[in-house]
Amino acid sequence: QVQLEESGGGLVQPGGSLRLSCAAARLNFPAYGVGWFRQAPGKDRESLSCITSSGRTTNYADAVKGRFTISRDNARKLVFLQMNNLRPEDTATYYCAATPRGFYSDSKGELICPDDYDFWGRGTQVTVSS
């Protein structure tokens, strides 16, 4: 059974940084596009960012643009989400997801992050508080 596993969450003060990692067991991870999501209590799941299988193209939600960076190391079969300048409103459970289906770009050439993925992790908690 394919599983994705997130790690790197924790408690951090406002303005601090965390780096989340996403690893996949029994999955040819370099062939999969990956997305990061989060969900806070009482709120809908929110798409944050995605990266193509090659790692050459990424996209970000406005809420995290300029603060979060998605990247991947296909040799190590890992995808990362570097989160800087964290705010209390970033507090949520963070999930990674993967799909072998290709991502599309809009008419301006900007990557469209899908909402549906084939595999999901169980999440890692990020709490931003002083």
Foldseek 3Di string as FASTA:
>chain_A
DKAKAKDWADEAAAQAKIKIKIAIDPDLLLLKKKWKWWDAPPDDIGTAKIAWSPRPAMDGDPVQPPFWDWGDDSVRRMIMIIGGRDDQVVWTWMKMAIANDGWDADPVRHTDDDPDGDYMHPTDTHGYHD
